[in-house]
N, C-alpha and C. Protein backbone atom coordinates (compact mmCIF):
# COMPACT_ATOMS: atom_id res chain seq x y z
N UNK A 1 0.85 -1.18 0.00
CA UNK A 1 0.00 0.00 0.00
C UNK A 1 0.89 1.24 0.00
N UNK A 2 0.82 2.03 -1.04
CA UNK A 2 1.67 3.20 -1.19
C UNK A 2 1.01 4.50 -0.72
N UNK A 3 -0.23 4.45 -0.30
CA UNK A 3 -0.93 5.67 0.08
C UNK A 3 -0.32 6.34 1.30
N UNK A 4 0.16 5.61 2.27
CA UNK A 4 0.70 6.19 3.49
C UNK A 4 2.21 6.40 3.46
N UNK A 5 2.84 6.14 2.32
CA UNK A 5 4.29 6.22 2.25
C UNK A 5 4.81 7.66 2.21
N UNK A 6 4.03 8.60 1.73
CA UNK A 6 4.50 9.98 1.58
C UNK A 6 5.00 10.58 2.89
N UNK A 7 4.39 10.24 3.98
CA UNK A 7 4.81 10.79 5.27
C UNK A 7 6.16 10.25 5.72
N UNK A 8 6.66 9.19 5.08
CA UNK A 8 7.95 8.61 5.45
C UNK A 8 9.07 9.00 4.50
N UNK A 9 8.76 9.76 3.46
CA UNK A 9 9.76 10.17 2.49
C UNK A 9 10.38 11.51 2.88
N UNK A 10 11.65 11.64 2.64
CA UNK A 10 12.36 12.88 2.89
C UNK A 10 12.71 13.50 1.54
N UNK A 11 12.36 14.75 1.36
CA UNK A 11 12.66 15.45 0.11
C UNK A 11 13.91 16.28 0.33
N UNK A 12 14.87 16.10 -0.56
CA UNK A 12 16.12 16.85 -0.46
C UNK A 12 16.21 17.82 -1.64
N UNK A 13 16.84 18.93 -1.40
CA UNK A 13 17.03 19.92 -2.46
C UNK A 13 18.52 20.19 -2.60
N UNK A 14 19.01 20.09 -3.83
CA UNK A 14 20.42 20.33 -4.06
C UNK A 14 20.71 21.83 -4.00
N UNK A 15 21.75 22.19 -3.28
CA UNK A 15 22.18 23.58 -3.20
C UNK A 15 23.40 23.74 -4.11
N UNK A 16 23.43 24.83 -4.86
CA UNK A 16 24.57 25.08 -5.73
C UNK A 16 25.78 25.47 -4.90
N UNK A 17 26.96 25.15 -5.39
CA UNK A 17 28.21 25.49 -4.72
C UNK A 17 28.49 26.98 -4.87
N UNK A 18 29.08 27.57 -3.84
CA UNK A 18 29.52 28.97 -3.93
C UNK A 18 30.85 29.00 -4.67
N UNK A 19 31.29 30.19 -5.07
CA UNK A 19 32.58 30.34 -5.74
C UNK A 19 33.71 29.85 -4.84
N UNK A 20 33.62 30.16 -3.55
CA UNK A 20 34.65 29.73 -2.60
C UNK A 20 34.73 28.21 -2.53
N UNK A 21 33.59 27.55 -2.50
CA UNK A 21 33.57 26.09 -2.46
C UNK A 21 34.14 25.50 -3.74
N UNK A 22 33.79 26.11 -4.88
CA UNK A 22 34.31 25.62 -6.16
C UNK A 22 35.82 25.75 -6.21
N UNK A 23 36.36 26.88 -5.75
CA UNK A 23 37.81 27.09 -5.75
C UNK A 23 38.51 26.09 -4.82
N UNK A 24 37.92 25.82 -3.67
CA UNK A 24 38.51 24.85 -2.73
C UNK A 24 38.56 23.46 -3.35
N UNK A 25 37.51 23.07 -4.01
CA UNK A 25 37.46 21.75 -4.66
C UNK A 25 38.47 21.70 -5.80
N UNK A 26 38.53 22.75 -6.61
CA UNK A 26 39.49 22.80 -7.72
C UNK A 26 40.92 22.73 -7.19
N UNK A 27 41.20 23.45 -6.13
CA UNK A 27 42.55 23.43 -5.55
C UNK A 27 42.91 22.04 -5.05
N UNK A 28 41.96 21.38 -4.41
CA UNK A 28 42.19 20.04 -3.88
C UNK A 28 42.44 19.04 -5.01
N UNK A 29 41.69 19.14 -6.08
CA UNK A 29 41.81 18.17 -7.17
C UNK A 29 42.92 18.49 -8.16
N UNK A 30 43.18 19.79 -8.39
CA UNK A 30 44.12 20.17 -9.44
C UNK A 30 45.45 20.71 -8.93
N UNK A 31 45.49 21.13 -7.67
CA UNK A 31 46.69 21.76 -7.14
C UNK A 31 46.75 23.23 -7.52
N UNK A 32 47.78 23.94 -7.06
CA UNK A 32 47.87 25.39 -7.29
C UNK A 32 47.91 25.79 -8.77
N UNK A 33 48.67 25.05 -9.59
CA UNK A 33 48.73 25.41 -11.02
C UNK A 33 47.40 25.15 -11.70
N UNK A 34 46.74 24.06 -11.35
CA UNK A 34 45.43 23.77 -11.92
C UNK A 34 44.39 24.78 -11.48
N UNK A 35 44.54 25.28 -10.25
CA UNK A 35 43.62 26.30 -9.76
C UNK A 35 43.72 27.57 -10.60
N UNK A 36 44.93 27.90 -11.04
CA UNK A 36 45.10 29.06 -11.92
C UNK A 36 44.34 28.85 -13.23
N UNK A 37 44.41 27.66 -13.79
CA UNK A 37 43.67 27.35 -15.02
C UNK A 37 42.17 27.44 -14.79
N UNK A 38 41.73 26.92 -13.64
CA UNK A 38 40.31 26.97 -13.29
C UNK A 38 39.83 28.42 -13.19
N UNK A 39 40.59 29.25 -12.45
CA UNK A 39 40.21 30.66 -12.29
C UNK A 39 40.18 31.39 -13.63
N UNK A 40 41.15 31.11 -14.49
CA UNK A 40 41.19 31.74 -15.82
C UNK A 40 39.97 31.32 -16.65
N UNK A 41 39.61 30.03 -16.58
CA UNK A 41 38.46 29.53 -17.34
C UNK A 41 37.17 30.19 -16.86
N UNK A 42 36.97 30.25 -15.55
CA UNK A 42 35.76 30.84 -14.99
C UNK A 42 35.69 32.33 -15.34
N UNK A 43 36.82 33.02 -15.24
CA UNK A 43 36.86 34.45 -15.58
C UNK A 43 36.49 34.68 -17.04
N UNK A 44 37.01 33.81 -17.91
CA UNK A 44 36.70 33.92 -19.35
C UNK A 44 35.21 33.68 -19.60
N UNK A 45 34.66 32.64 -18.99
CA UNK A 45 33.24 32.32 -19.17
C UNK A 45 32.36 33.48 -18.69
N UNK A 46 32.66 34.00 -17.53
CA UNK A 46 31.86 35.10 -16.99
C UNK A 46 32.02 36.37 -17.82
N UNK A 47 33.20 36.59 -18.36
CA UNK A 47 33.43 37.75 -19.23
C UNK A 47 32.60 37.65 -20.50
N UNK A 48 32.52 36.45 -21.05
CA UNK A 48 31.73 36.24 -22.28
C UNK A 48 30.24 36.42 -22.02
N UNK A 49 29.81 36.12 -20.80
CA UNK A 49 28.39 36.28 -20.46
C UNK A 49 28.09 37.66 -19.91
N UNK A 50 29.11 38.52 -19.81
CA UNK A 50 28.90 39.88 -19.34
C UNK A 50 28.69 39.99 -17.85
N UNK A 51 29.18 39.02 -17.09
CA UNK A 51 29.04 39.05 -15.63
C UNK A 51 30.27 39.69 -15.02
N UNK A 52 30.07 40.34 -13.90
CA UNK A 52 31.19 40.93 -13.17
C UNK A 52 32.00 39.82 -12.52
N UNK A 53 33.32 39.97 -12.55
CA UNK A 53 34.19 38.96 -11.95
C UNK A 53 34.01 38.89 -10.44
N UNK A 54 33.68 39.99 -9.80
CA UNK A 54 33.53 40.01 -8.34
C UNK A 54 32.06 40.12 -7.95
N UNK A 55 31.19 39.50 -8.72
CA UNK A 55 29.76 39.56 -8.43
C UNK A 55 29.38 38.68 -7.26
N UNK A 56 28.10 38.43 -7.09
CA UNK A 56 27.64 37.62 -5.97
C UNK A 56 28.27 36.22 -5.98
N UNK A 57 28.53 35.71 -4.79
CA UNK A 57 29.16 34.39 -4.68
C UNK A 57 28.22 33.28 -5.15
N UNK A 58 26.95 33.37 -4.82
CA UNK A 58 26.01 32.30 -5.18
C UNK A 58 25.32 32.65 -6.48
N UNK A 59 25.51 31.82 -7.48
CA UNK A 59 24.89 32.05 -8.79
C UNK A 59 24.15 30.78 -9.19
N UNK A 60 22.85 30.81 -9.08
CA UNK A 60 22.10 29.62 -9.42
C UNK A 60 22.17 29.34 -10.92
N UNK A 61 22.47 30.36 -11.73
CA UNK A 61 22.56 30.16 -13.17
C UNK A 61 23.95 29.68 -13.60
N UNK A 62 24.90 29.62 -12.68
CA UNK A 62 26.26 29.17 -12.98
C UNK A 62 26.25 27.65 -13.07
N UNK A 63 26.46 27.13 -14.26
CA UNK A 63 26.37 25.68 -14.46
C UNK A 63 27.39 24.92 -13.63
N UNK A 64 28.54 25.54 -13.33
CA UNK A 64 29.56 24.85 -12.57
C UNK A 64 29.30 24.90 -11.07
N UNK A 65 28.19 25.51 -10.66
CA UNK A 65 27.73 25.42 -9.28
C UNK A 65 27.15 24.05 -8.99
N UNK A 66 26.82 23.32 -10.04
CA UNK A 66 26.34 21.95 -9.93
C UNK A 66 27.55 21.05 -9.72
N UNK A 67 27.62 20.29 -8.62
CA UNK A 67 28.80 19.47 -8.34
C UNK A 67 29.19 18.51 -9.46
N UNK A 68 28.22 17.93 -10.15
CA UNK A 68 28.55 17.01 -11.24
C UNK A 68 29.22 17.74 -12.40
N UNK A 69 28.70 18.91 -12.75
CA UNK A 69 29.27 19.68 -13.84
C UNK A 69 30.65 20.21 -13.47
N UNK A 70 30.84 20.60 -12.21
CA UNK A 70 32.15 21.04 -11.75
C UNK A 70 33.15 19.89 -11.86
N UNK A 71 32.75 18.70 -11.49
CA UNK A 71 33.63 17.54 -11.59
C UNK A 71 34.04 17.29 -13.04
N UNK A 72 33.11 17.44 -13.96
CA UNK A 72 33.44 17.25 -15.37
C UNK A 72 34.43 18.31 -15.85
N UNK A 73 34.24 19.56 -15.42
CA UNK A 73 35.17 20.63 -15.78
C UNK A 73 36.56 20.33 -15.23
N UNK A 74 36.64 19.88 -13.98
CA UNK A 74 37.93 19.60 -13.38
C UNK A 74 38.64 18.45 -14.08
N UNK A 75 37.89 17.48 -14.56
CA UNK A 75 38.50 16.40 -15.35
C UNK A 75 39.09 16.96 -16.64
N UNK A 76 38.38 17.87 -17.26
CA UNK A 76 38.85 18.51 -18.50
C UNK A 76 40.11 19.33 -18.24
N UNK A 77 40.17 20.04 -17.11
CA UNK A 77 41.30 20.91 -16.79
C UNK A 77 42.48 20.18 -16.17
N UNK A 78 42.28 18.93 -15.74
CA UNK A 78 43.36 18.22 -15.06
C UNK A 78 44.51 17.97 -16.03
N UNK A 79 45.74 18.09 -15.53
CA UNK A 79 46.90 17.89 -16.41
C UNK A 79 46.93 16.45 -16.93
N UNK A 80 47.24 16.33 -18.19
CA UNK A 80 47.35 15.01 -18.80
C UNK A 80 48.73 14.43 -18.47
N UNK A 81 48.84 13.11 -18.45
CA UNK A 81 50.10 12.47 -18.07
C UNK A 81 51.25 12.88 -19.00
N UNK A 82 50.98 13.04 -20.29
CA UNK A 82 52.05 13.40 -21.23
C UNK A 82 52.44 14.88 -21.13
N UNK A 83 51.65 15.69 -20.40
CA UNK A 83 51.97 17.10 -20.23
C UNK A 83 52.81 17.33 -18.97
N UNK A 84 52.96 16.31 -18.15
CA UNK A 84 53.68 16.46 -16.88
C UNK A 84 55.17 16.33 -17.05
């Protein structure tokens, strides 16, 4: 019987990452040199969209605020073995 199950379900809402959280994750995964690449990429993207570089920390429209999308970006920016 599924009629009474709703009261036992917990609804979760994903919160987007702040710029500070994104930088911390990028630094942890890429190191200091990779963090520079990450910052340059984000600055370029925001410049193309006409956003201020020092705007609000929380941007719900920032696709890289989504942890999965941030992870994909960091994989793209990670140094390749033949570049080391």
